[in-house]
């Protein structure tokens, strides 16, 4: 196994590559999104579909920020727990 510290140093640590892409439920949801987007594209005017696409992009960006903040807080809590354990 490669050193985690070296993996972080070289910038090759990409948990996103494995966290969701290998998850069966995530894959099903992604397929549903694609099906619905194709349906909306066929049924909507270009202007409406452009608004729908813009809404999706903003939602994705918002979800990414939320995930990032949850990860950071979780990481910090984990470090605090370790510090508490080691101080006893």
C-alpha atoms as a PDB file:
ATOM      1  CA  UNK A   1       0.000   0.000   0.000  1.00  0.00           C
ATOM      2  CA  UNK A   2       1.253   3.435  -0.942  1.00  0.00           C
ATOM      3  CA  UNK A   3       2.011   5.896   1.843  1.00  0.00           C
ATOM      4  CA  UNK A   4      -1.001   8.142   2.484  1.00  0.00           C
ATOM      5  CA  UNK A   5       1.314  11.076   3.126  1.00  0.00           C
ATOM      6  CA  UNK A   6       2.988  10.598  -0.277  1.00  0.00           C
ATOM      7  CA  UNK A   7      -0.386  10.231  -1.941  1.00  0.00           C
ATOM      8  CA  UNK A   8      -1.478  13.560  -0.460  1.00  0.00           C
ATOM      9  CA  UNK A   9       1.865  15.199  -1.349  1.00  0.00           C
ATOM     10  CA  UNK A  10       1.711  14.126  -4.995  1.00  0.00           C
ATOM     11  CA  UNK A  11      -1.929  15.152  -5.275  1.00  0.00           C
ATOM     12  CA  UNK A  12      -3.136  11.715  -6.281  1.00  0.00           C
ATOM     13  CA  UNK A  13      -5.632  11.272  -3.457  1.00  0.00           C
ATOM     14  CA  UNK A  14      -9.039  11.462  -5.119  1.00  0.00           C
ATOM     15  CA  UNK A  15     -11.676   9.926  -2.838  1.00  0.00           C
ATOM     16  CA  UNK A  16     -14.428  11.213  -5.134  1.00  0.00           C
ATOM     17  CA  UNK A  17     -13.335   8.662  -7.726  1.00  0.00           C
ATOM     18  CA  UNK A  18     -14.377   5.794  -5.489  1.00  0.00           C
ATOM     19  CA  UNK A  19     -16.876   7.179  -3.013  1.00  0.00           C
ATOM     20  CA  UNK A  20     -19.860   7.487  -5.328  1.00  0.00           C
ATOM     21  CA  UNK A  21     -18.941   5.990  -8.678  1.00  0.00           C
ATOM     22  CA  UNK A  22     -18.796   2.477  -7.254  1.00  0.00           C
ATOM     23  CA  UNK A  23     -22.042   2.926  -5.307  1.00  0.00           C
ATOM     24  CA  UNK A  24     -24.961   1.123  -6.955  1.00  0.00           C
ATOM     25  CA  UNK A  25     -27.578   3.537  -5.573  1.00  0.00           C
ATOM     26  CA  UNK A  26     -25.607   6.515  -6.942  1.00  0.00           C
ATOM     27  CA  UNK A  27     -25.457   4.887 -10.375  1.00  0.00           C
ATOM     28  CA  UNK A  28     -29.230   4.325 -10.383  1.00  0.00           C
ATOM     29  CA  UNK A  29     -29.890   7.946  -9.417  1.00  0.00           C
ATOM     30  CA  UNK A  30     -27.524   9.173 -12.129  1.00  0.00           C
ATOM     31  CA  UNK A  31     -29.367   7.093 -14.723  1.00  0.00           C
ATOM     32  CA  UNK A  32     -32.704   8.513 -13.540  1.00  0.00           C
ATOM     33  CA  UNK A  33     -31.351  12.053 -13.825  1.00  0.00           C
ATOM     34  CA  UNK A  34     -30.199  11.403 -17.400  1.00  0.00           C
ATOM     35  CA  UNK A  35     -33.572   9.942 -18.378  1.00  0.00           C
ATOM     36  CA  UNK A  36     -35.493  12.867 -16.898  1.00  0.00           C
ATOM     37  CA  UNK A  37     -33.136  15.435 -18.452  1.00  0.00           C
ATOM     38  CA  UNK A  38     -33.600  13.845 -21.892  1.00  0.00           C
ATOM     39  CA  UNK A  39     -37.377  13.894 -21.415  1.00  0.00           C
ATOM     40  CA  UNK A  40     -37.300  17.565 -20.359  1.00  0.00           C
ATOM     41  CA  UNK A  41     -35.087  18.428 -23.317  1.00  0.00           C
ATOM     42  CA  UNK A  42     -37.623  16.921 -25.720  1.00  0.00           C
ATOM     43  CA  UNK A  43     -40.681  18.417 -24.013  1.00  0.00           C
ATOM     44  CA  UNK A  44     -39.401  21.902 -23.145  1.00  0.00           C
ATOM     45  CA  UNK A  45     -38.635  24.948 -25.200  1.00  0.00           C
ATOM     46  CA  UNK A  46     -34.959  25.812 -25.593  1.00  0.00           C
ATOM     47  CA  UNK A  47     -35.318  28.725 -23.174  1.00  0.00           C
ATOM     48  CA  UNK A  48     -37.017  26.592 -20.518  1.00  0.00           C
ATOM     49  CA  UNK A  49     -34.476  23.802 -20.905  1.00  0.00           C
ATOM     50  CA  UNK A  50     -31.662  26.344 -20.581  1.00  0.00           C
ATOM     51  CA  UNK A  51     -33.192  27.516 -17.272  1.00  0.00           C
ATOM     52  CA  UNK A  52     -33.546  23.926 -16.083  1.00  0.00           C
ATOM     53  CA  UNK A  53     -29.896  23.238 -16.951  1.00  0.00           C
ATOM     54  CA  UNK A  54     -28.794  26.400 -15.151  1.00  0.00           C
ATOM     55  CA  UNK A  55     -30.792  25.390 -12.070  1.00  0.00           C
ATOM     56  CA  UNK A  56     -29.167  21.935 -12.120  1.00  0.00           C
ATOM     57  CA  UNK A  57     -25.672  23.445 -12.371  1.00  0.00           C
ATOM     58  CA  UNK A  58     -26.311  25.796  -9.443  1.00  0.00           C
ATOM     59  CA  UNK A  59     -27.770  22.925  -7.402  1.00  0.00           C
ATOM     60  CA  UNK A  60     -24.711  20.777  -8.120  1.00  0.00           C
ATOM     61  CA  UNK A  61     -22.413  23.619  -7.080  1.00  0.00           C
ATOM     62  CA  UNK A  62     -24.387  24.139  -3.863  1.00  0.00           C
ATOM     63  CA  UNK A  63     -24.292  20.405  -3.073  1.00  0.00           C
ATOM     64  CA  UNK A  64     -20.535  20.341  -3.680  1.00  0.00           C
ATOM     65  CA  UNK A  65     -19.999  23.165  -1.194  1.00  0.00           C
ATOM     66  CA  UNK A  66     -22.202  21.406   1.343  1.00  0.00           C
ATOM     67  CA  UNK A  67     -20.268  18.138   0.903  1.00  0.00           C
ATOM     68  CA  UNK A  68     -16.946  19.941   1.209  1.00  0.00           C
ATOM     69  CA  UNK A  69     -17.994  21.635   4.440  1.00  0.00           C
ATOM     70  CA  UNK A  70     -19.357  18.377   5.886  1.00  0.00           C
ATOM     71  CA  UNK A  71     -16.068  16.638   5.050  1.00  0.00           C
ATOM     72  CA  UNK A  72     -13.992  19.412   6.642  1.00  0.00           C
ATOM     73  CA  UNK A  73     -16.070  19.412   9.822  1.00  0.00           C
ATOM     74  CA  UNK A  74     -15.959  15.622  10.026  1.00  0.00           C
ATOM     75  CA  UNK A  75     -12.204  15.613   9.550  1.00  0.00           C
ATOM     76  CA  UNK A  76     -11.768  18.240  12.265  1.00  0.00           C
ATOM     77  CA  UNK A  77     -14.005  16.322  14.673  1.00  0.00           C
ATOM     78  CA  UNK A  78     -11.978  13.190  13.977  1.00  0.00           C
ATOM     79  CA  UNK A  79      -8.755  15.055  14.770  1.00  0.00           C
ATOM     80  CA  UNK A  80     -10.253  16.456  17.981  1.00  0.00           C
ATOM     81  CA  UNK A  81     -11.343  12.962  19.038  1.00  0.00           C
ATOM     82  CA  UNK A  82      -7.817  11.677  18.409  1.00  0.00           C
ATOM     83  CA  UNK A  83      -6.342  14.541  20.448  1.00  0.00           C
ATOM     84  CA  UNK A  84      -8.738  13.803  23.302  1.00  0.00           C
ATOM     85  CA  UNK A  85      -7.912  10.074  23.221  1.00  0.00           C
ATOM     86  CA  UNK A  86      -4.170  10.734  23.187  1.00  0.00           C
ATOM     87  CA  UNK A  87      -4.354  13.273  26.009  1.00  0.00           C
ATOM     88  CA  UNK A  88      -5.904  10.828  28.507  1.00  0.00           C
END
